[in-house]
Each structure stands twice: as C-alpha cells, then as structure tokens.
Amino acid sequence: MKLSRSVRMAGAMALLLGALGAAPALACSTCYGAVDSGSPLVSGARLGVFLLLAVTAAVLGGFAKFFLYLRNRARQSETDQIASEWSQFQRSSST
C-alpha cells in the first residue's frame, strides 16, 4: 500500500515541527545526575544495580556449572564404556 507524496510530505513536516518545537524535559536532580553523589537516593540506586548484577551473575554461573557437570558426566560415561569394552576384549582374547 503506497502512500501519496502529499501524505508523506505532511507526515515529514509534522515530525520536523514536532521535533523543533519540543520543550526540553525537566528532570529532578536525581534523574538529571545528582550533584552530590553521596545522597542516599543515589547510593540506594547504585546498590540496587550491583544487587541485580550479582543475581544475574549467580544465575549464569549456575547454568555454566550445570553444563560443565553434564560434560564431565558424559566424559566419565564414555571412559567407563571404553573400559568395559576393553575388559570384554581382554577376556575374549585370553580364552
């Protein structure tokens, strides 16, 4: 579905006028970048970020440990299977 040239031009002009006429956003000092970085609100936000990073790292570490566990179990199973086949081969060749 093609838009006519006049509709596209009107949309572009509306977007341009909206961008040029926009007032700057007024934010509080905390959102804007608190001047004193020792305020309790900034310290709490920083602590919250570190807590979320720690939780994320713990979950990803758990996944990594699980897959390493599966890899080690597969290797052990393969080693046990090879040892079993080798012992059967040894018994059959000695008789």
Protein backbone atom coordinates (compact mmCIF):
# COMPACT_ATOMS: atom_id res chain seq x y z
CA MET A 1 0.00 0.00 0.00
CA LYS A 2 1.71 3.16 -1.22
CA LEU A 3 1.13 6.50 0.42
CA SER A 4 0.76 9.50 -1.76
CA ARG A 5 3.56 12.02 -1.91
CA SER A 6 1.49 14.72 -0.21
CA VAL A 7 0.67 12.44 2.76
CA ARG A 8 4.33 11.55 3.21
CA MET A 9 5.34 15.21 2.94
CA ALA A 10 2.73 16.22 5.53
CA GLY A 11 3.94 13.49 7.88
CA ALA A 12 7.55 14.58 7.49
CA MET A 13 6.64 18.23 8.14
CA ALA A 14 4.65 17.29 11.25
CA LEU A 15 7.58 15.27 12.56
CA LEU A 16 10.02 18.11 11.86
CA LEU A 17 7.82 20.74 13.50
CA GLY A 18 7.25 18.46 16.48
CA ALA A 19 10.98 17.94 16.92
CA LEU A 20 11.81 21.62 16.59
CA GLY A 21 9.02 22.77 18.88
CA ALA A 22 9.65 20.28 21.66
CA ALA A 23 10.46 21.72 25.06
CA PRO A 24 13.38 20.22 26.96
CA ALA A 25 12.37 17.72 29.60
CA LEU A 26 12.60 18.90 33.17
CA ALA A 27 14.03 16.25 35.44
CA CYS A 28 14.77 16.23 39.13
CA SER A 29 18.36 16.44 40.33
CA THR A 30 18.47 12.68 40.94
CA CYS A 31 17.40 11.77 37.42
CA TYR A 32 19.47 14.52 35.86
CA GLY A 33 22.62 13.41 37.66
CA ALA A 34 22.68 14.35 41.31
CA VAL A 35 25.28 16.94 42.14
CA ASP A 36 26.18 15.33 45.43
CA SER A 37 26.88 11.68 44.74
CA GLY A 38 26.68 10.84 48.44
CA SER A 39 22.91 11.25 48.63
CA PRO A 40 21.02 8.22 49.97
CA LEU A 41 18.87 8.00 46.84
CA VAL A 42 21.88 7.70 44.54
CA SER A 43 23.59 5.25 46.90
CA GLY A 44 20.46 3.10 47.02
CA ALA A 45 20.12 3.09 43.24
CA ARG A 46 23.78 2.13 42.86
CA LEU A 47 23.39 -0.67 45.42
CA GLY A 48 20.30 -1.94 43.60
CA VAL A 49 22.21 -2.11 40.31
CA PHE A 50 25.01 -4.09 41.93
CA LEU A 51 22.49 -6.44 43.53
CA LEU A 52 20.83 -7.12 40.18
CA LEU A 53 24.23 -7.72 38.59
CA ALA A 54 25.08 -10.20 41.36
CA VAL A 55 21.82 -12.11 40.87
CA THR A 56 22.40 -12.25 37.11
CA ALA A 57 25.98 -13.46 37.58
CA ALA A 58 24.82 -16.15 40.03
CA VAL A 59 22.19 -17.48 37.61
CA LEU A 60 24.61 -17.51 34.68
CA GLY A 61 27.22 -19.19 36.87
CA GLY A 62 24.69 -21.86 37.78
CA PHE A 63 24.00 -22.56 34.11
CA ALA A 64 27.72 -22.78 33.35
CA LYS A 65 28.29 -25.15 36.28
CA PHE A 66 25.38 -27.35 35.17
CA PHE A 67 26.71 -27.68 31.63
CA LEU A 68 30.22 -28.40 32.90
CA TYR A 69 28.72 -31.08 35.14
CA LEU A 70 26.96 -32.64 32.13
CA ARG A 71 30.19 -32.56 30.13
CA ASN A 72 32.10 -34.29 32.92
CA ARG A 73 29.38 -36.93 33.29
CA ALA A 74 29.48 -37.63 29.54
CA ARG A 75 33.26 -37.99 29.63
CA GLN A 76 33.06 -40.32 32.64
CA SER A 77 30.38 -42.43 30.95
CA GLU A 78 32.48 -42.68 27.80
CA THR A 79 35.54 -43.69 29.82
CA ASP A 80 33.54 -46.34 31.70
CA GLN A 81 32.13 -47.70 28.45
CA ILE A 82 35.59 -47.92 26.86
CA ALA A 83 36.96 -49.66 29.97
CA SER A 84 34.08 -52.16 29.90
CA GLU A 85 34.61 -52.91 26.20
CA TRP A 86 38.34 -53.29 26.76
CA SER A 87 37.87 -55.74 29.63
CA GLN A 88 35.46 -57.80 27.50
CA PHE A 89 38.01 -57.80 24.69
CA GLN A 90 40.74 -58.93 27.09
CA ARG A 91 38.58 -61.79 28.42
CA SER A 92 37.64 -62.97 24.95
CA SER A 93 41.25 -62.92 23.70
CA SER A 94 42.60 -64.87 26.68
CA THR A 95 40.29 -67.85 26.21
